[in-house]
């Protein structure tokens, strides 16, 4: 299995090289040259298996040239050993034909743990084999940073620097990033929004002298290994609900598009996914784009679902690559237009390709609160605001197609956003016992300017030799 860039100018790489490289040197994102296909019989044979066993079968075709069966199985086993639910990603029924996929039972209470814990294990194996050190720099709107820190803290061959928008993450999210005591972990609060953090990360990857000097590696969802690990829970959810004999739709709270793109790849692999529903908050650039074919930046305004406060949706580039028939030049032109003008228009044929798989919708702040309150009243299930956005959009989609079973991805534990949950429901969700002392731990972070040169200097000064 080889990995190619969405912009068509970077050399094809093995999975191991693509994983450690992160962003391609032409600015594109790596995708598999071909997508492995599973027959209905192969999918049916996964029914009743543990999450770890399904993960091994789904991931193996993508990584087999880099990791042996024993290495991959060991990495998966270690990755999920610390999760708080034996099913890892259990389903809860919300209503007729509507289920919630709980993705918040990992160590940092967010769906990012499913990928980051695996990546941490795979990085360790590959870096040890190569006798190599790397500097991981990540940009986060809240959850990626804590998940990355949890996966890599304390490792001898990795330094971790996380950029998050100052004042634009929840207190729980911030403290999860700023309270680890390990010397290889650094939390940078950047003056700006998430798009500024993400832009600075991409600028670092495109500064090849800096990139090579520090051994830069990325674990944002630009890294295909992140997307790969997220494919698994689409399989386990669909299998639990009757796949391959029963089609399933998924509503996915969406900001950077990595999670829902994993669902697209599951469908490409043969899983009977009926529709992939993009759920956005009032920062609705993806919903507007799917409806009108026009991707235009209007500015981000803070919301109670901050992990979705994103306008430059990195992984949408991967979706465009497929929509344009894997034409790297066409994708590169669109990305250049976005960078120079703040917008681009999608061709009619490409829009048809996108709409063949994706629907979309948006939920404002008032509806988010209403969904949290009503869901708790009718089911006893407390939703985080991101999950509530997903549920609200799922309800709208179900009104159009009530016959197809719908799964909404619950992307974070409600205790990560206690103010919004309490405002909606009157209940302040408690952190799990293992995090009960989070607000007593000492914080350690650095306020940083929105300036590439200053950031690169700080990273070079603080990374370990």
Foldseek 3Di string as FASTA:
>chain_A
DWKAFLQGDADIHALLVLQLLLAGLVRGFIDDPDFAADDQVRLLVCFPPALLVLLLVLCCVRHVVPDPSVLLSVLSCQLCVQFDDRNCFDWDDLDQLEIATLLQRHPLGFVLSLQQSSSLSVCVVSCVVVVAAAEEEEFALFPNQLSNCVSHAPDPRYAYEYEAAPPQFFPSSQLSQFFDDGLSGAYEHEHDHRQLSVVLVSVCSNPVVLCVVRSYGYDDLSRVSSLSSLLSVVSVVLSVVPPPVAEEEEQELDAQCSNLVSVVSNVVNPRRHQAYEYFAEPLPQVQVCLVPQKRADDDFDGALPRRRRHRPRRCVLVLLCVLVVNHSNVSVVQVVCCVPPVMDGDDPSSSVVVVNHYHYDYHYRVQLLVQQQVSCVSPVDGAASSQSSRVVSVVVVCVVPVPHRYYYYRGGDNQSRQVSSCVRHVDRDADPPVCNCSVVGDTHHHHDYSDNVRVSVVSVVSHDD
